[in-house]
N, C-alpha and C. Protein backbone atom coordinates (compact mmCIF):
# COMPACT_ATOMS: atom_id res chain seq x y z
N MET A 1 0.83 -1.20 0.00
CA MET A 1 -0.02 0.01 -0.02
C MET A 1 0.85 1.26 0.00
N ARG A 2 1.85 1.28 0.89
CA ARG A 2 2.70 2.46 0.97
C ARG A 2 3.48 2.73 -0.32
N SER A 3 4.04 1.66 -0.86
CA SER A 3 4.81 1.87 -2.11
C SER A 3 3.90 2.31 -3.24
N GLY A 4 2.67 1.78 -3.26
CA GLY A 4 1.73 2.19 -4.28
C GLY A 4 1.35 3.66 -4.18
N LEU A 5 1.17 4.12 -2.95
CA LEU A 5 0.87 5.55 -2.76
C LEU A 5 2.07 6.40 -3.17
N TYR A 6 3.25 5.97 -2.77
CA TYR A 6 4.46 6.74 -3.08
C TYR A 6 4.70 6.81 -4.61
N TYR A 7 4.78 5.66 -5.24
CA TYR A 7 5.05 5.64 -6.67
C TYR A 7 3.91 6.25 -7.46
N GLY A 8 2.69 6.15 -6.99
CA GLY A 8 1.55 6.79 -7.65
C GLY A 8 1.70 8.29 -7.58
N ALA A 9 2.06 8.82 -6.42
CA ALA A 9 2.23 10.26 -6.27
C ALA A 9 3.39 10.78 -7.15
N VAL A 10 4.54 10.05 -7.10
CA VAL A 10 5.68 10.47 -7.90
C VAL A 10 5.32 10.41 -9.37
N GLY A 11 4.64 9.37 -9.80
CA GLY A 11 4.25 9.27 -11.22
C GLY A 11 3.30 10.37 -11.64
N MET A 12 2.37 10.71 -10.79
CA MET A 12 1.43 11.80 -11.09
C MET A 12 2.17 13.15 -11.20
N ILE A 13 3.06 13.43 -10.27
CA ILE A 13 3.79 14.68 -10.29
C ILE A 13 4.73 14.73 -11.51
N ASP A 14 5.41 13.62 -11.80
CA ASP A 14 6.29 13.61 -12.95
C ASP A 14 5.51 13.75 -14.25
N GLY A 15 4.32 13.22 -14.32
CA GLY A 15 3.49 13.39 -15.50
C GLY A 15 3.12 14.82 -15.74
N ILE A 16 2.76 15.53 -14.68
CA ILE A 16 2.46 16.96 -14.80
C ILE A 16 3.72 17.73 -15.19
N LEU A 17 4.83 17.45 -14.55
CA LEU A 17 6.09 18.16 -14.83
C LEU A 17 6.58 17.90 -16.25
N GLU A 18 6.39 16.67 -16.75
CA GLU A 18 6.78 16.36 -18.13
C GLU A 18 6.04 17.23 -19.12
N ARG A 19 4.74 17.40 -18.89
CA ARG A 19 3.96 18.26 -19.79
C ARG A 19 4.37 19.71 -19.68
N MET A 20 4.69 20.18 -18.48
CA MET A 20 5.15 21.55 -18.29
C MET A 20 6.46 21.80 -19.00
N VAL A 21 7.39 20.85 -18.88
CA VAL A 21 8.68 21.01 -19.55
C VAL A 21 8.54 20.97 -21.04
N ASP A 22 7.63 20.13 -21.55
CA ASP A 22 7.37 20.08 -23.01
C ASP A 22 6.87 21.45 -23.51
N LYS A 23 6.04 22.12 -22.73
CA LYS A 23 5.47 23.42 -23.16
C LYS A 23 6.44 24.57 -22.92
N MET A 24 7.14 24.55 -21.78
CA MET A 24 7.97 25.67 -21.38
C MET A 24 9.45 25.56 -21.70
N GLY A 25 9.88 24.39 -22.08
CA GLY A 25 11.28 24.17 -22.44
C GLY A 25 12.08 23.52 -21.40
N PRO A 26 13.24 22.94 -21.78
CA PRO A 26 14.06 22.14 -20.87
C PRO A 26 14.77 22.99 -19.75
N ASP A 27 14.82 24.29 -19.92
CA ASP A 27 15.45 25.14 -18.93
C ASP A 27 14.48 25.60 -17.83
N THR A 28 13.27 25.04 -17.83
CA THR A 28 12.29 25.41 -16.83
C THR A 28 12.75 25.05 -15.44
N ALA A 29 12.71 26.00 -14.51
CA ALA A 29 13.13 25.76 -13.12
C ALA A 29 12.00 25.02 -12.37
N LEU A 30 12.34 23.85 -11.88
CA LEU A 30 11.35 23.04 -11.14
C LEU A 30 11.87 22.89 -9.70
N VAL A 31 11.07 23.29 -8.76
CA VAL A 31 11.46 23.24 -7.34
C VAL A 31 10.39 22.54 -6.53
N ALA A 32 10.77 21.52 -5.79
CA ALA A 32 9.87 20.83 -4.89
C ALA A 32 9.77 21.62 -3.61
N THR A 33 8.54 21.89 -3.15
CA THR A 33 8.37 22.65 -1.92
C THR A 33 7.50 21.87 -0.94
N GLY A 34 7.61 22.21 0.33
CA GLY A 34 6.79 21.61 1.35
C GLY A 34 7.58 20.62 2.21
N GLY A 35 6.96 20.21 3.27
CA GLY A 35 7.62 19.35 4.25
C GLY A 35 7.99 17.97 3.77
N GLN A 36 7.27 17.42 2.80
CA GLN A 36 7.52 16.11 2.26
C GLN A 36 8.22 16.17 0.90
N ALA A 37 8.69 17.33 0.51
CA ALA A 37 9.27 17.55 -0.81
C ALA A 37 10.47 16.64 -1.09
N SER A 38 11.32 16.48 -0.13
CA SER A 38 12.55 15.71 -0.38
C SER A 38 12.21 14.23 -0.66
N ILE A 39 11.15 13.72 -0.05
CA ILE A 39 10.76 12.33 -0.29
C ILE A 39 10.29 12.17 -1.74
N ILE A 40 9.47 13.05 -2.22
CA ILE A 40 8.97 13.01 -3.60
C ILE A 40 10.10 13.28 -4.57
N ALA A 41 10.94 14.24 -4.30
CA ALA A 41 12.02 14.59 -5.20
C ALA A 41 13.02 13.46 -5.35
N SER A 42 13.20 12.63 -4.33
CA SER A 42 14.15 11.53 -4.43
C SER A 42 13.74 10.50 -5.46
N GLY A 43 12.44 10.41 -5.79
CA GLY A 43 11.99 9.46 -6.78
C GLY A 43 11.63 10.08 -8.13
N SER A 44 11.71 11.41 -8.20
CA SER A 44 11.26 12.11 -9.41
C SER A 44 12.36 12.17 -10.47
N ARG A 45 11.92 12.13 -11.71
CA ARG A 45 12.88 12.28 -12.82
C ARG A 45 13.20 13.76 -13.07
N PHE A 46 12.36 14.67 -12.57
CA PHE A 46 12.47 16.07 -12.91
C PHE A 46 12.90 16.95 -11.73
N LEU A 47 12.49 16.62 -10.57
CA LEU A 47 12.77 17.48 -9.40
C LEU A 47 14.16 17.22 -8.85
N LYS A 48 15.01 18.25 -8.97
CA LYS A 48 16.38 18.14 -8.47
C LYS A 48 16.65 19.16 -7.37
N THR A 49 15.77 20.18 -7.28
CA THR A 49 15.93 21.22 -6.29
C THR A 49 14.78 21.15 -5.27
N VAL A 50 15.14 21.20 -4.00
CA VAL A 50 14.16 21.13 -2.92
C VAL A 50 14.30 22.34 -2.01
N ASP A 51 13.20 23.04 -1.78
CA ASP A 51 13.18 24.15 -0.82
C ASP A 51 11.92 24.00 -0.01
N GLU A 52 12.10 23.40 1.16
CA GLU A 52 10.97 23.07 2.03
C GLU A 52 10.22 24.31 2.55
N HIS A 53 10.87 25.46 2.53
CA HIS A 53 10.28 26.66 3.10
C HIS A 53 9.87 27.72 2.09
N LEU A 54 9.95 27.39 0.81
CA LEU A 54 9.65 28.38 -0.24
C LEU A 54 8.25 28.95 -0.14
N THR A 55 7.28 28.10 0.09
CA THR A 55 5.88 28.57 0.21
C THR A 55 5.70 29.50 1.39
N LEU A 56 6.29 29.11 2.52
CA LEU A 56 6.19 29.97 3.73
C LEU A 56 6.90 31.29 3.53
N GLU A 57 8.06 31.26 2.85
CA GLU A 57 8.77 32.50 2.57
C GLU A 57 7.93 33.43 1.65
N GLY A 58 7.26 32.86 0.67
CA GLY A 58 6.40 33.64 -0.19
C GLY A 58 5.24 34.24 0.55
N LEU A 59 4.62 33.46 1.44
CA LEU A 59 3.52 34.01 2.26
C LEU A 59 4.02 35.13 3.18
N ALA A 60 5.21 34.97 3.71
CA ALA A 60 5.76 36.04 4.57
C ALA A 60 6.01 37.32 3.77
N MET A 61 6.49 37.19 2.53
CA MET A 61 6.68 38.36 1.69
C MET A 61 5.37 39.07 1.37
N ILE A 62 4.33 38.30 1.10
CA ILE A 62 3.01 38.90 0.86
C ILE A 62 2.51 39.63 2.10
N TRP A 63 2.66 39.00 3.25
CA TRP A 63 2.23 39.62 4.52
C TRP A 63 3.00 40.91 4.76
N GLU A 64 4.32 40.91 4.55
CA GLU A 64 5.11 42.12 4.75
C GLU A 64 4.69 43.24 3.83
N ARG A 65 4.43 42.94 2.59
CA ARG A 65 4.02 43.96 1.61
C ARG A 65 2.67 44.58 2.00
N ASN A 66 1.80 43.75 2.56
CA ASN A 66 0.47 44.27 2.98
C ASN A 66 0.55 45.07 4.24
N GLN A 67 1.56 44.93 5.03
CA GLN A 67 1.73 45.71 6.26
C GLN A 67 2.11 47.15 5.95
N ARG A 68 2.75 47.38 4.82
CA ARG A 68 3.21 48.73 4.46
C ARG A 68 2.04 49.63 4.04
N SER A 69 0.95 49.07 3.58
CA SER A 69 -0.14 49.91 3.09
C SER A 69 -1.05 50.36 4.18
């Protein structure tokens, strides 16, 4: 069950990324984000960069910009 969930998730993500790379070109920057990103990236053909805090950093930037107004 666990391996099916893992490989199913990796296959789904790689399928989406494959289509994105086909449309946007091979130089497209792909970054895995989130707390489980390194697990998915370890099995992915496309994900080589992992930033577990990228989403939180982006939310912090949005919050800071809204505090100025």
